[in-house]
Amino acid sequence: MTAPVNVAVGILMKPNGDVLLGQRPAGKPYDGYWEFPGGKVDPGETILEALKREFVEELGLTINSAEEWCGVEYVYPHAHVRLHFYISRDWSGEPQSLEGQAFAWQGAVGVEPLLPATIPLLEWLDLVRYGD
C-alpha cells in the first residue's frame, strides 16, 4: 500500500450549525458526490496553509481562523488519503463556484450521495453543534 496523501479539509460552520458541502466535479473520482471542501497539501505547506489556499482557489473565501478538529485515514479504490479536518466559524466572503462545482449548506438542505469518508463526520459534527 502506498503512503497516504495528506489532504486539508475545511468545515465552515454557520452559527445555526449548517456546514458547507461541495459537489465533486465531472472527471474526478466519485464525481457528483458531496464532500467537505479542501485539497491536497503541497510540499512545504502546513495543513492550515493548504486549507486557506484551497478555499481561495475553489470558493473565493478567506479563512480568517480555523481550529484543528480531527484526522481520518480512508482508503478509496483510487487513493489512500489522510484527511485533516479543521472547523472554521470565521471566514470572509461568500462561496463562489470557481471550479464549476455545486455547493450547499448542509442542515438547511440535505444532499446525496455523500463521499464515504464524509458520512461519519456529519454524525460527529452533531456533537460539536449540539453537545452530548
N, C-alpha and C. Protein backbone atom coordinates (compact mmCIF):
# COMPACT_ATOMS: atom_id res chain seq x y z
N MET A 1 0.85 -1.18 0.00
CA MET A 1 0.00 0.00 0.00
C MET A 1 0.89 1.24 0.00
N THR A 2 0.47 2.24 -0.75
CA THR A 2 1.23 3.47 -0.83
C THR A 2 0.99 4.34 0.41
N ALA A 3 1.92 5.25 0.65
CA ALA A 3 1.77 6.17 1.78
C ALA A 3 0.56 7.06 1.53
N PRO A 4 -0.14 7.45 2.59
CA PRO A 4 -1.32 8.29 2.39
C PRO A 4 -0.95 9.69 1.91
N VAL A 5 -1.86 10.26 1.13
CA VAL A 5 -1.74 11.63 0.67
C VAL A 5 -2.41 12.52 1.72
N ASN A 6 -1.70 13.55 2.19
CA ASN A 6 -2.28 14.48 3.15
C ASN A 6 -3.23 15.44 2.46
N VAL A 7 -4.42 15.57 3.02
CA VAL A 7 -5.45 16.43 2.46
C VAL A 7 -5.99 17.33 3.57
N ALA A 8 -6.02 18.63 3.29
CA ALA A 8 -6.60 19.61 4.21
C ALA A 8 -8.09 19.75 3.88
N VAL A 9 -8.93 19.63 4.91
CA VAL A 9 -10.38 19.68 4.70
C VAL A 9 -10.97 20.71 5.66
N GLY A 10 -11.81 21.58 5.11
CA GLY A 10 -12.40 22.63 5.93
C GLY A 10 -13.89 22.46 6.12
N ILE A 11 -14.32 22.66 7.34
CA ILE A 11 -15.74 22.62 7.66
C ILE A 11 -16.12 24.03 8.07
N LEU A 12 -16.82 24.73 7.16
CA LEU A 12 -17.33 26.05 7.51
C LEU A 12 -18.63 25.85 8.25
N MET A 13 -18.73 26.40 9.45
CA MET A 13 -19.93 26.21 10.25
C MET A 13 -20.57 27.56 10.57
N LYS A 14 -21.82 27.70 10.12
CA LYS A 14 -22.59 28.90 10.43
C LYS A 14 -23.04 28.85 11.90
N PRO A 15 -23.45 29.99 12.45
CA PRO A 15 -23.92 30.00 13.84
C PRO A 15 -25.08 29.02 14.11
N ASN A 16 -25.91 28.75 13.09
CA ASN A 16 -27.03 27.82 13.28
C ASN A 16 -26.61 26.35 13.13
N GLY A 17 -25.32 26.10 12.85
CA GLY A 17 -24.82 24.73 12.75
C GLY A 17 -24.74 24.20 11.34
N ASP A 18 -25.28 24.91 10.34
CA ASP A 18 -25.17 24.45 8.95
C ASP A 18 -23.71 24.43 8.52
N VAL A 19 -23.34 23.44 7.69
CA VAL A 19 -21.97 23.32 7.20
C VAL A 19 -21.99 23.29 5.67
N LEU A 20 -20.91 23.79 5.07
CA LEU A 20 -20.81 23.87 3.62
C LEU A 20 -20.27 22.58 3.03
N LEU A 21 -20.98 22.03 2.05
CA LEU A 21 -20.51 20.87 1.29
C LEU A 21 -20.40 21.27 -0.17
N GLY A 22 -19.43 20.68 -0.86
CA GLY A 22 -19.27 20.91 -2.29
C GLY A 22 -19.44 19.60 -3.04
N GLN A 23 -19.84 19.70 -4.30
CA GLN A 23 -20.03 18.51 -5.12
C GLN A 23 -18.80 18.31 -6.01
N ARG A 24 -18.29 17.07 -6.01
CA ARG A 24 -17.11 16.76 -6.81
C ARG A 24 -17.42 16.94 -8.29
N PRO A 25 -16.54 17.62 -9.02
CA PRO A 25 -16.81 17.91 -10.44
C PRO A 25 -16.65 16.68 -11.33
N ALA A 26 -17.25 16.77 -12.50
CA ALA A 26 -17.14 15.70 -13.50
C ALA A 26 -15.68 15.46 -13.85
N GLY A 27 -15.33 14.21 -14.07
CA GLY A 27 -13.98 13.85 -14.46
C GLY A 27 -13.09 13.46 -13.31
N LYS A 28 -13.51 13.72 -12.07
CA LYS A 28 -12.75 13.31 -10.89
C LYS A 28 -13.36 12.03 -10.34
N PRO A 29 -12.55 11.23 -9.63
CA PRO A 29 -13.14 10.05 -8.98
C PRO A 29 -14.32 10.47 -8.08
N TYR A 30 -15.35 9.66 -8.07
CA TYR A 30 -16.56 9.94 -7.29
C TYR A 30 -17.23 11.24 -7.73
N ASP A 31 -17.18 11.54 -9.03
CA ASP A 31 -17.83 12.78 -9.48
C ASP A 31 -19.32 12.75 -9.14
N GLY A 32 -19.81 13.91 -8.73
CA GLY A 32 -21.20 14.04 -8.32
C GLY A 32 -21.45 13.80 -6.84
N TYR A 33 -20.46 13.24 -6.15
CA TYR A 33 -20.60 13.02 -4.70
C TYR A 33 -20.31 14.32 -3.97
N TRP A 34 -20.91 14.45 -2.79
CA TRP A 34 -20.75 15.64 -1.96
C TRP A 34 -19.70 15.39 -0.88
N GLU A 35 -18.93 16.44 -0.57
CA GLU A 35 -17.85 16.34 0.41
C GLU A 35 -17.60 17.71 1.01
N PHE A 36 -16.78 17.72 2.05
CA PHE A 36 -16.32 18.99 2.59
C PHE A 36 -15.22 19.51 1.67
N PRO A 37 -15.16 20.83 1.43
CA PRO A 37 -14.14 21.38 0.55
C PRO A 37 -12.72 21.23 1.12
N GLY A 38 -11.77 21.19 0.22
CA GLY A 38 -10.36 21.09 0.62
C GLY A 38 -9.55 20.53 -0.52
N GLY A 39 -8.32 20.12 -0.21
CA GLY A 39 -7.47 19.57 -1.24
C GLY A 39 -6.13 19.13 -0.69
N LYS A 40 -5.32 18.60 -1.60
CA LYS A 40 -4.01 18.05 -1.25
C LYS A 40 -3.10 19.13 -0.68
N VAL A 41 -2.26 18.70 0.24
CA VAL A 41 -1.24 19.58 0.83
C VAL A 41 -0.02 19.52 -0.07
N ASP A 42 0.42 20.68 -0.54
CA ASP A 42 1.61 20.75 -1.40
C ASP A 42 2.88 20.64 -0.56
N PRO A 43 3.97 20.17 -1.17
CA PRO A 43 5.24 20.10 -0.44
C PRO A 43 5.62 21.47 0.15
N GLY A 44 6.05 21.48 1.41
CA GLY A 44 6.45 22.72 2.06
C GLY A 44 5.31 23.49 2.71
N GLU A 45 4.08 23.08 2.48
CA GLU A 45 2.92 23.75 3.07
C GLU A 45 2.54 23.10 4.40
N THR A 46 2.04 23.91 5.32
CA THR A 46 1.40 23.34 6.50
C THR A 46 -0.03 22.97 6.11
N ILE A 47 -0.68 22.18 6.94
CA ILE A 47 -2.06 21.80 6.67
C ILE A 47 -2.93 23.05 6.59
N LEU A 48 -2.77 23.97 7.54
CA LEU A 48 -3.59 25.18 7.56
C LEU A 48 -3.33 26.06 6.34
N GLU A 49 -2.07 26.17 5.92
CA GLU A 49 -1.76 26.94 4.70
C GLU A 49 -2.46 26.33 3.49
N ALA A 50 -2.43 25.00 3.40
CA ALA A 50 -3.10 24.33 2.28
C ALA A 50 -4.60 24.58 2.32
N LEU A 51 -5.17 24.51 3.50
CA LEU A 51 -6.61 24.76 3.65
C LEU A 51 -6.97 26.15 3.16
N LYS A 52 -6.23 27.14 3.62
CA LYS A 52 -6.51 28.52 3.22
C LYS A 52 -6.35 28.71 1.71
N ARG A 53 -5.31 28.11 1.11
CA ARG A 53 -5.10 28.21 -0.33
C ARG A 53 -6.25 27.57 -1.09
N GLU A 54 -6.65 26.37 -0.69
CA GLU A 54 -7.72 25.66 -1.38
C GLU A 54 -9.04 26.44 -1.34
N PHE A 55 -9.35 27.06 -0.21
CA PHE A 55 -10.60 27.80 -0.11
C PHE A 55 -10.61 29.05 -0.98
N VAL A 56 -9.46 29.68 -1.15
CA VAL A 56 -9.37 30.81 -2.07
C VAL A 56 -9.53 30.31 -3.51
N GLU A 57 -8.82 29.23 -3.87
CA GLU A 57 -8.84 28.72 -5.25
C GLU A 57 -10.20 28.16 -5.64
N GLU A 58 -10.83 27.40 -4.75
CA GLU A 58 -12.08 26.71 -5.09
C GLU A 58 -13.32 27.57 -4.90
N LEU A 59 -13.33 28.36 -3.81
CA LEU A 59 -14.57 29.04 -3.41
C LEU A 59 -14.45 30.55 -3.27
N GLY A 60 -13.25 31.10 -3.44
CA GLY A 60 -13.07 32.54 -3.29
C GLY A 60 -13.28 33.04 -1.88
N LEU A 61 -13.06 32.17 -0.89
CA LEU A 61 -13.25 32.52 0.52
C LEU A 61 -11.91 32.65 1.23
N THR A 62 -11.83 33.55 2.19
CA THR A 62 -10.66 33.69 3.03
C THR A 62 -10.98 33.12 4.41
N ILE A 63 -10.22 32.12 4.82
CA ILE A 63 -10.37 31.56 6.16
C ILE A 63 -9.60 32.47 7.11
N ASN A 64 -10.29 33.13 8.02
CA ASN A 64 -9.64 34.02 8.99
C ASN A 64 -9.04 33.24 10.15
N SER A 65 -9.75 32.23 10.61
CA SER A 65 -9.23 31.35 11.66
C SER A 65 -9.94 30.01 11.55
N ALA A 66 -9.23 28.97 11.99
CA ALA A 66 -9.79 27.61 11.97
C ALA A 66 -9.10 26.81 13.06
N GLU A 67 -9.85 25.89 13.66
CA GLU A 67 -9.27 25.05 14.69
C GLU A 67 -9.19 23.61 14.19
N GLU A 68 -8.05 22.99 14.48
CA GLU A 68 -7.87 21.59 14.11
C GLU A 68 -8.90 20.77 14.86
N TRP A 69 -9.56 19.85 14.15
CA TRP A 69 -10.64 19.08 14.77
C TRP A 69 -10.31 17.61 14.88
N CYS A 70 -10.06 16.94 13.75
CA CYS A 70 -9.75 15.52 13.81
C CYS A 70 -9.03 15.11 12.52
N GLY A 71 -8.50 13.90 12.55
CA GLY A 71 -7.86 13.33 11.37
C GLY A 71 -8.43 11.95 11.11
N VAL A 72 -8.60 11.62 9.84
CA VAL A 72 -9.17 10.33 9.44
C VAL A 72 -8.37 9.83 8.25
N GLU A 73 -7.98 8.55 8.29
CA GLU A 73 -7.40 7.92 7.10
C GLU A 73 -8.48 7.11 6.42
N TYR A 74 -8.49 7.18 5.09
CA TYR A 74 -9.50 6.45 4.33
C TYR A 74 -8.84 5.91 3.07
N VAL A 75 -9.12 4.67 2.76
CA VAL A 75 -8.57 4.05 1.55
C VAL A 75 -9.71 3.90 0.54
N TYR A 76 -9.63 4.71 -0.51
CA TYR A 76 -10.56 4.61 -1.64
C TYR A 76 -9.91 3.69 -2.67
N PRO A 77 -10.68 3.19 -3.63
CA PRO A 77 -10.07 2.37 -4.70
C PRO A 77 -8.97 3.12 -5.46
N HIS A 78 -9.08 4.44 -5.57
CA HIS A 78 -8.12 5.23 -6.36
C HIS A 78 -7.05 5.91 -5.52
N ALA A 79 -7.20 5.94 -4.18
CA ALA A 79 -6.23 6.70 -3.37
C ALA A 79 -6.35 6.35 -1.89
N HIS A 80 -5.21 6.48 -1.20
CA HIS A 80 -5.15 6.35 0.26
C HIS A 80 -4.91 7.76 0.77
N VAL A 81 -5.85 8.29 1.54
CA VAL A 81 -5.75 9.68 1.98
C VAL A 81 -5.75 9.79 3.50
N ARG A 82 -5.05 10.80 3.98
CA ARG A 82 -5.10 11.17 5.40
C ARG A 82 -5.76 12.55 5.42
N LEU A 83 -6.99 12.58 5.92
CA LEU A 83 -7.79 13.80 5.92
C LEU A 83 -7.60 14.53 7.24
N HIS A 84 -7.20 15.80 7.15
CA HIS A 84 -7.00 16.65 8.32
C HIS A 84 -8.15 17.67 8.34
N PHE A 85 -9.07 17.50 9.27
CA PHE A 85 -10.27 18.34 9.33
C PHE A 85 -10.07 19.53 10.27
N TYR A 86 -10.47 20.70 9.76
CA TYR A 86 -10.46 21.93 10.52
C TYR A 86 -11.88 22.50 10.50
N ILE A 87 -12.29 23.09 11.62
CA ILE A 87 -13.57 23.77 11.68
C ILE A 87 -13.31 25.27 11.71
N SER A 88 -14.01 25.99 10.84
CA SER A 88 -13.91 27.45 10.84
C SER A 88 -15.29 28.05 11.01
N ARG A 89 -15.36 28.99 11.91
CA ARG A 89 -16.57 29.79 12.10
C ARG A 89 -16.30 31.24 11.71
N ASP A 90 -15.09 31.48 11.20
CA ASP A 90 -14.64 32.85 10.91
C ASP A 90 -13.98 32.88 9.53
N TRP A 91 -14.75 33.34 8.54
CA TRP A 91 -14.24 33.47 7.18
C TRP A 91 -14.80 34.73 6.56
N SER A 92 -14.19 35.15 5.46
CA SER A 92 -14.63 36.35 4.74
C SER A 92 -15.06 35.95 3.33
N GLY A 93 -16.14 36.58 2.88
CA GLY A 93 -16.64 36.34 1.54
C GLY A 93 -17.80 35.37 1.52
N GLU A 94 -18.41 35.27 0.34
CA GLU A 94 -19.49 34.32 0.09
C GLU A 94 -18.97 33.26 -0.88
N PRO A 95 -19.36 31.99 -0.70
CA PRO A 95 -18.86 30.95 -1.59
C PRO A 95 -19.22 31.22 -3.05
N GLN A 96 -18.23 31.01 -3.91
CA GLN A 96 -18.39 31.14 -5.35
C GLN A 96 -17.96 29.83 -6.00
N SER A 97 -18.55 29.48 -7.11
CA SER A 97 -18.22 28.23 -7.79
C SER A 97 -17.08 28.49 -8.78
N LEU A 98 -15.85 28.60 -8.27
CA LEU A 98 -14.71 28.96 -9.12
C LEU A 98 -14.20 27.79 -9.96
N GLU A 99 -14.54 26.56 -9.59
CA GLU A 99 -14.13 25.39 -10.37
C GLU A 99 -15.34 24.67 -10.97
N GLY A 100 -16.46 25.37 -11.05
CA GLY A 100 -17.65 24.80 -11.67
C GLY A 100 -18.40 23.81 -10.80
N GLN A 101 -18.07 23.74 -9.52
CA GLN A 101 -18.72 22.79 -8.63
C GLN A 101 -19.95 23.41 -7.98
N ALA A 102 -20.92 22.55 -7.67
CA ALA A 102 -22.07 22.99 -6.90
C ALA A 102 -21.69 22.98 -5.42
N PHE A 103 -22.38 23.76 -4.62
CA PHE A 103 -22.18 23.71 -3.18
C PHE A 103 -23.51 23.98 -2.50
N ALA A 104 -23.64 23.53 -1.26
CA ALA A 104 -24.87 23.69 -0.50
C ALA A 104 -24.55 23.70 0.98
N TRP A 105 -25.38 24.40 1.74
CA TRP A 105 -25.26 24.40 3.19
C TRP A 105 -26.04 23.22 3.74
N GLN A 106 -25.34 22.20 4.23
CA GLN A 106 -25.97 21.00 4.80
C GLN A 106 -26.58 21.37 6.13
N GLY A 107 -27.78 20.98 6.34
CA GLY A 107 -28.55 21.37 7.53
C GLY A 107 -29.81 22.02 7.01
N ALA A 108 -29.63 23.07 6.21
CA ALA A 108 -30.78 23.69 5.55
C ALA A 108 -31.24 22.79 4.40
N VAL A 109 -30.30 22.12 3.77
CA VAL A 109 -30.57 21.24 2.63
C VAL A 109 -29.81 19.94 2.87
N GLY A 110 -30.44 18.81 2.63
CA GLY A 110 -29.74 17.53 2.70
C GLY A 110 -29.34 17.12 1.29
N VAL A 111 -28.08 16.78 1.09
CA VAL A 111 -27.60 16.41 -0.24
C VAL A 111 -27.12 14.97 -0.25
N GLU A 112 -27.22 14.33 -1.40
CA GLU A 112 -26.75 12.96 -1.59
C GLU A 112 -26.31 12.81 -3.03
N PRO A 113 -25.44 11.86 -3.33
CA PRO A 113 -24.76 10.96 -2.40
C PRO A 113 -23.59 11.65 -1.73
N LEU A 114 -23.25 11.17 -0.55
CA LEU A 114 -22.12 11.71 0.20
C LEU A 114 -20.90 10.84 -0.03
N LEU A 115 -19.73 11.47 -0.15
CA LEU A 115 -18.47 10.74 -0.23
C LEU A 115 -18.34 9.88 1.02
N PRO A 116 -17.96 8.61 0.90
CA PRO A 116 -17.96 7.70 2.06
C PRO A 116 -17.24 8.23 3.30
N ALA A 117 -16.12 8.89 3.15
CA ALA A 117 -15.39 9.39 4.32
C ALA A 117 -16.12 10.56 4.99
N THR A 118 -17.08 11.16 4.30
CA THR A 118 -17.82 12.31 4.83
C THR A 118 -18.93 11.89 5.79
N ILE A 119 -19.51 10.73 5.57
CA ILE A 119 -20.70 10.31 6.32
C ILE A 119 -20.48 10.30 7.83
N PRO A 120 -19.44 9.63 8.36
CA PRO A 120 -19.29 9.64 9.82
C PRO A 120 -18.99 11.03 10.37
N LEU A 121 -18.33 11.88 9.56
CA LEU A 121 -18.01 13.22 10.04
C LEU A 121 -19.27 14.03 10.30
N LEU A 122 -20.28 13.88 9.46
CA LEU A 122 -21.53 14.61 9.69
C LEU A 122 -22.17 14.19 11.01
N GLU A 123 -22.06 12.90 11.33
CA GLU A 123 -22.59 12.42 12.60
C GLU A 123 -21.78 12.99 13.77
N TRP A 124 -20.46 13.00 13.66
CA TRP A 124 -19.60 13.54 14.72
C TRP A 124 -19.85 15.03 14.91
N LEU A 125 -20.15 15.72 13.80
CA LEU A 125 -20.39 17.17 13.89
C LEU A 125 -21.60 17.48 14.74
N ASP A 126 -22.57 16.57 14.81
CA ASP A 126 -23.72 16.80 15.67
C ASP A 126 -23.28 17.00 17.12
N LEU A 127 -22.21 16.32 17.53
CA LEU A 127 -21.70 16.50 18.89
C LEU A 127 -21.10 17.90 19.06
N VAL A 128 -20.47 18.42 18.00
CA VAL A 128 -19.91 19.77 18.06
C VAL A 128 -21.04 20.80 18.08
N ARG A 129 -22.06 20.57 17.25
CA ARG A 129 -23.16 21.53 17.13
C ARG A 129 -24.07 21.53 18.35
N TYR A 130 -24.42 20.32 18.81
CA TYR A 130 -25.49 20.20 19.79
C TYR A 130 -25.03 19.66 21.13
N GLY A 131 -23.76 19.29 21.27
CA GLY A 131 -23.25 18.72 22.52
C GLY A 131 -23.72 17.28 22.68
N ASP A 132 -23.44 16.73 23.81
CA ASP A 132 -23.81 15.33 24.06
C ASP A 132 -25.29 15.26 24.14
